[in-house]
Amino acid sequence: MLEPWLALPGAADQVATWSKLTGLPLERLGTTATAEEITDTAVTQPLVVVSALLAFDELGKRHRIPSDVVVAGHSVGELAAAAITGVITRDEAVSLAAIRGAEMAKACAEVPTTMAAVLGGDEEQVLARLAELDLVPANRNAVGQIVAAGTVEAIDTLIADPPEKARTRKLSVAGAFHTHYMASAQDAVAAAAAAITPQDPTAVLLSNFDGKPVTSGVEALARLVSQVTNPVRWDLCSATMRELGVDSLVELPPAGALTGIAKRELKGTPTRALKTPDDLEGITGLG
């Protein structure tokens, strides 16, 4: 996840600093980790934030970031978005990601839970079926793309008997993220966030809570905490991007999934998924 970005000037030193901050060997985990290590949410979450920040900082060196830029992050990516817009520092974002990941891993061990993608079908029928099984629509990523979360038993029942005209796919995740099953993790993140003095965002920052811009740093930090147990409304973030007239989209690493959604939800909008530094060249909409 980190290997292509570590070759950038200063990147290795920055990652070494963040490794000391978090107590995690981030360079090794981001380059030579085993498959088991890299899928551990305690490892994945800080790596996601680190890779996003390294890429954004290099993006800013090579291009002029427009003053009216709109910034949004998906799930743990909101920590990177908060750092990019100045709500929290980069060190605070990486530290919170490490705490968030470790505590969510602990919460996952308390009760066997998981998640499943539900694709297609009538939205009302899908949501009704989830409620019937006591499942939570933890991610509403786009029209016809909902991620259900809950107990393993309930998810297995959903897969065996899905809503009409809907397809389901069990996800390889540690547990039911963005649900009440993560309450203990939220408490830990709240305790860490209490030591942070947030600043108001310096750019338009969209929230996973309702897709709307957040103008208060205090509110943005509070939402970073509550997001641990709240659903991710990326569908609403996409809707706000349309309303604001976003005319190009750059996805920070690990990139690909949100670009795919944008091609459907923001049709005609140029997109770029930053997977390696080579992808930083010739980006539409940046100087």
Foldseek 3Di string as FASTA:
>chain_A
DCVQLCPDPPLVVVLVVLCVLLVHPLVCLVPPNDPVSCQQLLNVQLNQLSQQLSLVVVLVVVFPDDLQDEFEAFQLGLLNSQCVQQQFPSSLSSNLSNLLRVLQLVLLVVAPKFKKKKFDDDPVQQVVLCVVLVWDQQEDAAVRITMIMDHPVSLVVCQVPPGPPIHMGTDPHSHGWQACSSVRSLVRSVVSLVVTDTQFGSYFYAAQQQLHTDGGSVVSSVSSSNSRNHHGYNRSVLVVCVVVVPQEEEAGPPWDPSVVRCCVSVPPRHYFYPNHPVSSPPGPPID
